[in-house]
């Protein structure tokens, strides 16, 4: 799964909002749902369409408490995801509902997982660098290219030369710079792995809840 999560590096955060626009068309009446529940879901849908997202969210949440339904979890996650544009504190809650939807709803599973991943990783900020997950990957790739270039330059400069033909102090300094760059890359890759591990933990917790 970690490999799958890493593949979102190229995705743009802006893609989330395009997917969210299809929300109103995505809400469908589930076969076999009790008439009262259908009425409440329809009411929540109407409220959402009229712009009363807070009341729609409240009703969807009340219904989800009564029945762990994937479509309802998806609707809740979508509304919360929209709200994260201005309310960043809702990211974790939105991700949780979307993950539960990905587990409970066969028809919404793929979309819910994609949105959960996009939300989580785009808001997963490293405190030291201020970069999100994708930013960390891009910086690591840039540094790897720099390391390769510097390594080639080092080899071209010192390879095949006798000890008395080189400036030993300069060579040691150049070698240390390569080692330090490699260490920095390793630290970035560690942060990237940690982000994937954190996401997978949240996914496992969602599986435990449903």
Protein backbone atom coordinates (compact mmCIF):
# COMPACT_ATOMS: atom_id res chain seq x y z
CA UNK A 1 0.00 0.00 0.00
CA UNK A 2 2.89 2.37 0.72
CA UNK A 3 3.88 2.22 -2.97
CA UNK A 4 0.34 3.18 -3.92
CA UNK A 5 0.37 6.14 -1.56
CA UNK A 6 3.70 7.38 -2.87
CA UNK A 7 2.34 7.47 -6.42
CA UNK A 8 0.16 10.48 -5.60
CA UNK A 9 3.26 12.69 -5.55
CA UNK A 10 2.51 14.00 -9.02
CA UNK A 11 -1.12 14.80 -8.24
CA UNK A 12 -2.06 18.42 -7.87
CA UNK A 13 -3.99 19.55 -4.83
CA UNK A 14 -6.32 21.53 -7.09
CA UNK A 15 -7.69 18.28 -8.53
CA UNK A 16 -9.57 17.69 -5.28
CA UNK A 17 -11.95 20.53 -5.85
CA UNK A 18 -12.88 19.47 -9.36
CA UNK A 19 -13.93 16.09 -8.03
CA UNK A 20 -15.97 17.69 -5.28
CA UNK A 21 -18.17 19.53 -7.79
CA UNK A 22 -19.80 16.22 -8.72
CA UNK A 23 -21.08 15.75 -5.16
CA UNK A 24 -24.73 16.63 -5.77
CA UNK A 25 -24.96 14.10 -8.61
CA UNK A 26 -23.20 11.42 -6.56
CA UNK A 27 -25.82 11.19 -3.78
CA UNK A 28 -28.21 8.35 -4.69
CA UNK A 29 -30.99 6.64 -2.82
CA UNK A 30 -29.85 3.22 -1.59
CA UNK A 31 -32.20 0.30 -2.25
CA UNK A 32 -33.77 -1.15 0.86
CA UNK A 33 -33.37 1.96 3.01
CA UNK A 34 -36.25 2.63 5.37
CA UNK A 35 -38.64 5.41 4.18
CA UNK A 36 -37.83 7.66 7.15
CA UNK A 37 -34.09 7.40 6.52
CA UNK A 38 -34.56 8.11 2.80
CA UNK A 39 -36.61 11.19 3.68
CA UNK A 40 -33.86 12.50 5.95
CA UNK A 41 -31.16 11.81 3.37
CA UNK A 42 -33.23 13.54 0.70
CA UNK A 43 -33.72 16.48 3.05
CA UNK A 44 -29.97 16.66 3.70
CA UNK A 45 -29.34 16.56 -0.05
CA UNK A 46 -31.80 19.38 -0.64
CA UNK A 47 -30.19 21.43 2.12
CA UNK A 48 -26.78 20.87 0.58
CA UNK A 49 -28.00 21.99 -2.84
CA UNK A 50 -29.51 25.13 -1.32
CA UNK A 51 -26.20 25.99 0.32
CA UNK A 52 -27.08 25.01 3.89
CA UNK A 53 -24.13 22.66 4.23
CA UNK A 54 -23.95 22.85 8.02
CA UNK A 55 -27.49 21.51 8.48
CA UNK A 56 -26.97 18.93 5.73
CA UNK A 57 -23.80 17.79 7.48
CA UNK A 58 -25.61 17.52 10.81
CA UNK A 59 -28.33 15.29 9.33
CA UNK A 60 -25.87 13.08 7.47
CA UNK A 61 -23.88 12.61 10.67
CA UNK A 62 -26.99 11.70 12.65
CA UNK A 63 -27.93 9.12 10.02
CA UNK A 64 -24.41 7.70 10.01
CA UNK A 65 -24.60 7.19 13.77
CA UNK A 66 -27.67 5.03 13.22
CA UNK A 67 -26.16 3.04 10.37
CA UNK A 68 -22.58 2.77 9.14
CA UNK A 69 -23.38 3.38 5.48
CA UNK A 70 -20.62 3.98 2.95
CA UNK A 71 -22.60 6.43 0.82
CA UNK A 72 -23.45 8.55 3.85
CA UNK A 73 -19.82 8.48 5.03
CA UNK A 74 -18.79 9.61 1.55
CA UNK A 75 -21.29 12.51 1.61
CA UNK A 76 -19.99 13.62 5.00
CA UNK A 77 -16.39 13.36 3.83
CA UNK A 78 -17.13 15.40 0.70
CA UNK A 79 -18.77 18.22 2.66
CA UNK A 80 -15.95 18.29 5.19
CA UNK A 81 -13.36 18.24 2.39
CA UNK A 82 -14.99 21.31 0.87
CA UNK A 83 -14.85 23.06 4.21
CA UNK A 84 -11.12 22.40 4.57
CA UNK A 85 -10.48 25.15 2.04
CA UNK A 86 -11.12 27.62 4.86
CA UNK A 87 -11.13 25.34 7.92
CA UNK A 88 -7.88 23.37 7.98
CA UNK A 89 -8.75 21.82 11.33
CA UNK A 90 -11.35 19.65 9.55
CA UNK A 91 -8.79 17.79 7.41
CA UNK A 92 -8.35 14.85 9.81
CA UNK A 93 -12.11 14.39 10.22
CA UNK A 94 -12.68 14.55 6.47
CA UNK A 95 -9.95 11.98 5.86
CA UNK A 96 -11.47 9.64 8.47
CA UNK A 97 -14.94 9.71 6.91
CA UNK A 98 -13.54 9.26 3.40
CA UNK A 99 -11.47 6.27 4.52
CA UNK A 100 -14.52 4.71 6.14
CA UNK A 101 -16.43 5.31 2.90
CA UNK A 102 -13.64 3.62 0.93
CA UNK A 103 -14.06 0.55 3.13
CA UNK A 104 -17.86 0.45 3.30
CA UNK A 105 -18.93 1.48 -0.19
CA UNK A 106 -17.87 -0.62 -3.19
CA UNK A 107 -19.09 2.07 -5.61
CA UNK A 108 -17.40 4.96 -3.80
CA UNK A 109 -14.28 3.13 -2.67
CA UNK A 110 -11.86 4.39 -5.32
CA UNK A 111 -13.03 8.01 -5.27
CA UNK A 112 -13.10 8.11 -1.48
CA UNK A 113 -9.58 6.70 -1.20
CA UNK A 114 -8.19 9.12 -3.79
CA UNK A 115 -9.70 12.10 -1.98
CA UNK A 116 -8.52 10.84 1.41
CA UNK A 117 -4.97 10.45 0.09
CA UNK A 118 -4.98 13.85 -1.61
CA UNK A 119 -6.29 15.62 1.48
CA UNK A 120 -3.93 13.87 3.86
CA UNK A 121 -0.73 14.22 1.88
CA UNK A 122 -1.35 17.77 0.66
CA UNK A 123 -1.87 18.87 4.28
CA UNK A 124 0.92 16.72 5.74
CA UNK A 125 3.40 19.53 6.47
CA UNK A 126 6.95 18.94 7.67
CA UNK A 127 7.69 21.32 10.54
CA UNK A 128 11.37 21.77 9.70
CA UNK A 129 11.04 22.54 5.98
CA UNK A 130 7.45 23.77 5.76
CA UNK A 131 6.95 21.42 2.81
CA UNK A 132 4.04 19.05 2.31
CA UNK A 133 4.46 15.43 1.19
CA UNK A 134 4.71 16.26 -2.50
CA UNK A 135 7.14 19.07 -1.75
CA UNK A 136 9.39 16.69 0.18
CA UNK A 137 9.45 14.28 -2.73
CA UNK A 138 10.28 17.05 -5.21
CA UNK A 139 13.09 18.35 -3.02
CA UNK A 140 14.51 14.85 -2.54
CA UNK A 141 14.50 14.29 -6.31
CA UNK A 142 16.24 17.63 -6.89
CA UNK A 143 18.89 16.79 -4.31
CA UNK A 144 19.45 13.35 -5.84
CA UNK A 145 20.17 14.95 -9.20
CA UNK A 146 22.57 17.36 -7.51
CA UNK A 147 24.29 14.47 -5.75
CA UNK A 148 24.77 12.59 -9.01
CA UNK A 149 26.20 15.67 -10.70
CA UNK A 150 28.59 16.42 -7.83
CA UNK A 151 29.65 12.76 -7.65
CA UNK A 152 30.49 12.78 -11.37
CA UNK A 153 32.45 16.00 -10.94
CA UNK A 154 34.32 14.54 -7.97
CA UNK A 155 35.26 11.41 -9.88
CA UNK A 156 36.37 13.41 -12.91
CA UNK A 157 38.49 15.65 -10.69
CA UNK A 158 40.22 13.04 -8.55
CA UNK A 159 39.89 9.62 -10.19
CA UNK A 160 43.17 8.07 -11.38
CA UNK A 161 45.38 10.75 -9.88
CA UNK A 162 48.31 10.20 -7.57
CA UNK A 163 48.22 11.58 -4.04
CA UNK A 164 50.79 14.26 -4.82
CA UNK A 165 48.72 15.43 -7.81
CA UNK A 166 45.70 16.54 -5.79
CA UNK A 167 44.96 19.02 -3.05
CA UNK A 168 44.24 16.59 -0.21
CA UNK A 169 42.49 19.21 1.90
CA UNK A 170 40.22 20.21 -0.98
CA UNK A 171 39.48 16.58 -1.83
CA UNK A 172 38.45 15.86 1.76
CA UNK A 173 36.22 18.92 1.75
CA UNK A 174 34.58 17.87 -1.52
CA UNK A 175 34.08 14.35 -0.23
CA UNK A 176 32.48 15.64 2.99
CA UNK A 177 30.07 17.76 0.94
CA UNK A 178 28.95 14.63 -0.92
CA UNK A 179 28.46 12.72 2.32
CA UNK A 180 26.46 15.56 3.88
CA UNK A 181 24.23 15.84 0.81
CA UNK A 182 23.59 12.10 0.94
CA UNK A 183 22.62 12.35 4.60
CA UNK A 184 20.18 15.18 3.86
CA UNK A 185 18.55 13.08 1.15
CA UNK A 186 18.26 10.20 3.60
CA UNK A 187 16.52 12.46 6.12
CA UNK A 188 14.01 13.64 3.52
CA UNK A 189 13.29 10.07 2.45
CA UNK A 190 12.76 9.18 6.11
CA UNK A 191 10.14 11.94 6.41
CA UNK A 192 8.42 10.67 3.25
CA UNK A 193 8.27 7.11 4.60
CA UNK A 194 6.95 8.41 7.93
CA UNK A 195 4.09 10.23 6.18
CA UNK A 196 3.09 7.04 4.36
CA UNK A 197 3.28 5.06 7.60
CA UNK A 198 1.07 7.64 9.35
CA UNK A 199 -1.52 7.41 6.58
CA UNK A 200 -1.53 3.62 6.74
CA UNK A 201 -2.06 3.79 10.52
CA UNK A 202 -5.08 6.03 10.04
CA UNK A 203 -6.42 3.60 7.45
CA UNK A 204 -6.02 0.68 9.86
CA UNK A 205 -7.84 2.67 12.55
CA UNK A 206 -10.70 3.30 10.12
CA UNK A 207 -10.94 -0.43 9.41
CA UNK A 208 -11.18 -1.02 13.14
CA UNK A 209 -14.06 1.45 13.48
CA UNK A 210 -16.22 -0.07 10.77
